[in-house]
Structures are given as C-alpha cells and as structure tokens.
Amino acid sequence: MTRDIADGGVAAEELKQFVERIERLEEEKKAIADDIKDVFAELKGRGFDVKAVRTILAFRKQDHSERQEEEAILELYMNALGMS
C-alpha cells in the first residue's frame, strides 16, 4: 500500500480524500467553537455568571448518581475544612 501512495495510485487518492474530510471537519469544529464562544459572551452580557453555567453544563453531562456522589464528596470535604 505504501508503494501505491508513493506512486500516486488509488491509495494516494483515498488518502487525499480522508485528509480533506478531516480538514472540513476541523473547520466545522472551529466554527462551532466560535459559536459557543459567542453564546457565552452573550450570556455574560446578559448578566449571567459564565463560570456557574459552565459548572451546570458539566453537571448535566453526568448521570444523576455520579453527580450526587460528587456533590456528597465535595460537601464532606468542605465540612472537613470548616467551609460549610
């Protein structure tokens, strides 16, 4: 297969197609990241706390029991440090 690529054969064309697909997806990923950045800027402009919203987004990615366990550990540690 390496020989086909070096000779500019079918494998080279297939490789080029893969690379171009990845490049397009990377462009789309950057555009989406920029859109998300804009939404956070709008959120901040409307007076919301961006850090709190990021925390909420992280919590929403967890399942309920995982989140409860994390919150319980956090509360336990805060109590141990006299922060409650």
N, C-alpha and C. Protein backbone atom coordinates (compact mmCIF):
# COMPACT_ATOMS: atom_id res chain seq x y z
N MET A 1 0.83 -1.20 0.00
CA MET A 1 0.00 0.00 0.00
C MET A 1 0.87 1.25 0.00
N THR A 2 1.96 1.24 0.73
CA THR A 2 2.86 2.38 0.75
C THR A 2 3.35 2.69 -0.66
N ARG A 3 3.59 1.65 -1.43
CA ARG A 3 4.07 1.83 -2.80
C ARG A 3 3.01 2.55 -3.64
N ASP A 4 1.73 2.18 -3.45
CA ASP A 4 0.65 2.85 -4.19
C ASP A 4 0.61 4.33 -3.88
N ILE A 5 0.82 4.67 -2.62
CA ILE A 5 0.80 6.07 -2.23
C ILE A 5 1.97 6.80 -2.88
N ALA A 6 3.14 6.20 -2.82
CA ALA A 6 4.33 6.83 -3.39
C ALA A 6 4.20 6.99 -4.90
N ASP A 7 3.51 6.06 -5.54
CA ASP A 7 3.35 6.13 -6.99
C ASP A 7 2.17 7.00 -7.41
N GLY A 8 1.42 7.51 -6.44
CA GLY A 8 0.27 8.34 -6.77
C GLY A 8 -0.92 7.51 -7.23
N GLY A 9 -1.01 6.26 -6.79
CA GLY A 9 -2.09 5.37 -7.20
C GLY A 9 -3.38 5.63 -6.46
N VAL A 10 -4.22 4.60 -6.47
CA VAL A 10 -5.56 4.68 -5.86
C VAL A 10 -5.46 5.01 -4.37
N ALA A 11 -4.50 4.42 -3.67
CA ALA A 11 -4.37 4.67 -2.24
C ALA A 11 -4.07 6.14 -1.96
N ALA A 12 -3.31 6.77 -2.83
CA ALA A 12 -2.99 8.18 -2.65
C ALA A 12 -4.25 9.03 -2.76
N GLU A 13 -5.12 8.69 -3.68
CA GLU A 13 -6.37 9.43 -3.85
C GLU A 13 -7.26 9.23 -2.62
N GLU A 14 -7.31 8.00 -2.13
CA GLU A 14 -8.11 7.71 -0.94
C GLU A 14 -7.57 8.47 0.27
N LEU A 15 -6.25 8.50 0.41
CA LEU A 15 -5.63 9.24 1.50
C LEU A 15 -5.97 10.72 1.40
N LYS A 16 -5.90 11.27 0.19
CA LYS A 16 -6.24 12.67 -0.02
C LYS A 16 -7.68 12.96 0.40
N GLN A 17 -8.60 12.05 0.08
CA GLN A 17 -9.99 12.23 0.45
C GLN A 17 -10.17 12.23 1.97
N PHE A 18 -9.46 11.33 2.65
CA PHE A 18 -9.52 11.31 4.11
C PHE A 18 -9.00 12.61 4.70
N VAL A 19 -7.87 13.07 4.20
CA VAL A 19 -7.27 14.31 4.71
C VAL A 19 -8.22 15.48 4.48
N GLU A 20 -8.83 15.56 3.32
CA GLU A 20 -9.75 16.66 3.02
C GLU A 20 -10.99 16.60 3.90
N ARG A 21 -11.49 15.39 4.17
CA ARG A 21 -12.63 15.25 5.08
C ARG A 21 -12.28 15.75 6.47
N ILE A 22 -11.10 15.36 6.95
CA ILE A 22 -10.66 15.81 8.27
C ILE A 22 -10.53 17.32 8.30
N GLU A 23 -9.97 17.89 7.25
CA GLU A 23 -9.83 19.36 7.19
C GLU A 23 -11.18 20.05 7.25
N ARG A 24 -12.17 19.52 6.52
CA ARG A 24 -13.52 20.11 6.56
C ARG A 24 -14.13 20.00 7.95
N LEU A 25 -13.96 18.84 8.57
CA LEU A 25 -14.50 18.66 9.92
C LEU A 25 -13.82 19.58 10.93
N GLU A 26 -12.51 19.77 10.78
CA GLU A 26 -11.78 20.70 11.65
C GLU A 26 -12.32 22.12 11.48
N GLU A 27 -12.64 22.51 10.25
CA GLU A 27 -13.22 23.84 10.01
C GLU A 27 -14.58 23.96 10.68
N GLU A 28 -15.40 22.90 10.56
CA GLU A 28 -16.71 22.91 11.19
C GLU A 28 -16.57 22.97 12.71
N LYS A 29 -15.61 22.23 13.25
CA LYS A 29 -15.38 22.23 14.70
C LYS A 29 -15.00 23.62 15.18
N LYS A 30 -14.15 24.31 14.43
CA LYS A 30 -13.75 25.66 14.80
C LYS A 30 -14.94 26.61 14.74
N ALA A 31 -15.77 26.46 13.71
CA ALA A 31 -16.95 27.31 13.60
C ALA A 31 -17.90 27.09 14.77
N ILE A 32 -18.08 25.84 15.17
CA ILE A 32 -18.94 25.54 16.31
C ILE A 32 -18.35 26.10 17.59
N ALA A 33 -17.03 25.95 17.77
CA ALA A 33 -16.37 26.50 18.96
C ALA A 33 -16.55 28.01 19.01
N ASP A 34 -16.44 28.67 17.86
CA ASP A 34 -16.65 30.12 17.81
C ASP A 34 -18.08 30.48 18.17
N ASP A 35 -19.05 29.68 17.70
CA ASP A 35 -20.45 29.91 18.03
C ASP A 35 -20.68 29.78 19.54
N ILE A 36 -20.08 28.75 20.14
CA ILE A 36 -20.22 28.55 21.58
C ILE A 36 -19.61 29.72 22.33
N LYS A 37 -18.46 30.19 21.88
CA LYS A 37 -17.81 31.35 22.50
C LYS A 37 -18.73 32.57 22.43
N ASP A 38 -19.39 32.75 21.29
CA ASP A 38 -20.33 33.87 21.14
C ASP A 38 -21.51 33.75 22.10
N VAL A 39 -22.01 32.53 22.29
CA VAL A 39 -23.14 32.33 23.21
C VAL A 39 -22.71 32.66 24.64
N PHE A 40 -21.49 32.24 25.02
CA PHE A 40 -21.01 32.58 26.36
C PHE A 40 -20.84 34.09 26.52
N ALA A 41 -20.38 34.76 25.48
CA ALA A 41 -20.25 36.22 25.55
C ALA A 41 -21.63 36.87 25.70
N GLU A 42 -22.61 36.36 24.98
CA GLU A 42 -23.98 36.88 25.09
C GLU A 42 -24.53 36.62 26.49
N LEU A 43 -24.27 35.43 26.99
CA LEU A 43 -24.70 35.05 28.34
C LEU A 43 -24.12 36.02 29.37
N LYS A 44 -22.83 36.28 29.26
CA LYS A 44 -22.16 37.20 30.18
C LYS A 44 -22.72 38.61 30.03
N GLY A 45 -22.98 39.02 28.79
CA GLY A 45 -23.53 40.33 28.54
C GLY A 45 -24.92 40.53 29.13
N ARG A 46 -25.64 39.42 29.29
CA ARG A 46 -26.98 39.48 29.88
C ARG A 46 -26.93 39.36 31.40
N GLY A 47 -25.71 39.31 31.98
CA GLY A 47 -25.57 39.33 33.42
C GLY A 47 -25.47 37.97 34.09
N PHE A 48 -25.37 36.90 33.32
CA PHE A 48 -25.24 35.58 33.91
C PHE A 48 -23.78 35.29 34.23
N ASP A 49 -23.57 34.45 35.24
CA ASP A 49 -22.22 34.06 35.65
C ASP A 49 -21.77 32.89 34.77
N VAL A 50 -20.78 33.13 33.93
CA VAL A 50 -20.31 32.14 32.96
C VAL A 50 -19.73 30.92 33.67
N LYS A 51 -18.98 31.14 34.74
CA LYS A 51 -18.38 30.02 35.47
C LYS A 51 -19.46 29.09 36.02
N ALA A 52 -20.52 29.67 36.56
CA ALA A 52 -21.62 28.86 37.10
C ALA A 52 -22.30 28.07 35.98
N VAL A 53 -22.49 28.69 34.83
CA VAL A 53 -23.13 27.99 33.71
C VAL A 53 -22.24 26.86 33.21
N ARG A 54 -20.93 27.08 33.18
CA ARG A 54 -20.01 26.00 32.78
C ARG A 54 -20.09 24.82 33.75
N THR A 55 -20.23 25.14 35.04
CA THR A 55 -20.38 24.09 36.05
C THR A 55 -21.67 23.32 35.83
N ILE A 56 -22.74 24.04 35.55
CA ILE A 56 -24.03 23.39 35.28
C ILE A 56 -23.91 22.49 34.05
N LEU A 57 -23.26 22.96 33.02
CA LEU A 57 -23.08 22.14 31.81
C LEU A 57 -22.31 20.86 32.13
N ALA A 58 -21.29 20.96 32.96
CA ALA A 58 -20.51 19.78 33.36
C ALA A 58 -21.39 18.81 34.15
N PHE A 59 -22.21 19.35 35.07
CA PHE A 59 -23.10 18.50 35.85
C PHE A 59 -24.11 17.79 34.95
N ARG A 60 -24.62 18.50 33.97
CA ARG A 60 -25.64 17.92 33.08
C ARG A 60 -25.09 16.78 32.23
N LYS A 61 -23.78 16.75 32.05
CA LYS A 61 -23.16 15.66 31.29
C LYS A 61 -23.06 14.38 32.12
N GLN A 62 -23.11 14.53 33.45
CA GLN A 62 -23.00 13.38 34.35
C GLN A 62 -24.37 12.75 34.55
N ASP A 63 -24.38 11.46 34.85
CA ASP A 63 -25.66 10.88 35.23
C ASP A 63 -25.97 11.27 36.67
N HIS A 64 -27.20 11.09 37.05
CA HIS A 64 -27.68 11.59 38.35
C HIS A 64 -26.88 11.03 39.52
N SER A 65 -26.65 9.72 39.53
CA SER A 65 -25.95 9.11 40.67
C SER A 65 -24.49 9.58 40.74
N GLU A 66 -23.86 9.74 39.60
CA GLU A 66 -22.49 10.24 39.56
C GLU A 66 -22.41 11.66 40.13
N ARG A 67 -23.39 12.47 39.74
CA ARG A 67 -23.42 13.85 40.22
C ARG A 67 -23.67 13.89 41.73
N GLN A 68 -24.59 13.06 42.22
CA GLN A 68 -24.88 13.02 43.65
C GLN A 68 -23.65 12.60 44.44
N GLU A 69 -22.92 11.62 43.92
CA GLU A 69 -21.70 11.17 44.60
C GLU A 69 -20.67 12.29 44.67
N GLU A 70 -20.48 12.99 43.56
CA GLU A 70 -19.53 14.09 43.53
C GLU A 70 -19.93 15.20 44.50
N GLU A 71 -21.21 15.53 44.53
CA GLU A 71 -21.69 16.57 45.44
C GLU A 71 -21.51 16.14 46.90
N ALA A 72 -21.74 14.86 47.21
CA ALA A 72 -21.58 14.37 48.57
C ALA A 72 -20.12 14.45 49.00
N ILE A 73 -19.22 14.07 48.12
CA ILE A 73 -17.79 14.14 48.44
C ILE A 73 -17.37 15.59 48.64
N LEU A 74 -17.82 16.46 47.77
CA LEU A 74 -17.50 17.88 47.89
C LEU A 74 -18.00 18.43 49.22
N GLU A 75 -19.23 18.09 49.58
CA GLU A 75 -19.79 18.56 50.86
C GLU A 75 -18.99 18.00 52.04
N LEU A 76 -18.61 16.73 51.97
CA LEU A 76 -17.81 16.11 53.03
C LEU A 76 -16.48 16.84 53.19
N TYR A 77 -15.80 17.10 52.09
CA TYR A 77 -14.51 17.80 52.14
C TYR A 77 -14.66 19.22 52.67
N MET A 78 -15.71 19.90 52.24
CA MET A 78 -15.95 21.27 52.71
C MET A 78 -16.22 21.28 54.21
N ASN A 79 -17.00 20.32 54.68
CA ASN A 79 -17.25 20.22 56.11
C ASN A 79 -15.96 19.95 56.88
N ALA A 80 -15.12 19.07 56.35
CA ALA A 80 -13.85 18.75 57.00
C ALA A 80 -12.94 19.97 57.10
N LEU A 81 -13.08 20.88 56.14
CA LEU A 81 -12.26 22.09 56.13
C LEU A 81 -12.93 23.27 56.81
N GLY A 82 -14.11 23.01 57.41
CA GLY A 82 -14.84 24.07 58.09
C GLY A 82 -15.42 25.11 57.15
N MET A 83 -15.77 24.71 55.96
CA MET A 83 -16.26 25.65 54.94
C MET A 83 -17.77 25.62 54.77
N SER A 84 -18.47 24.83 55.58
CA SER A 84 -19.91 24.72 55.39
C SER A 84 -20.69 25.79 56.11
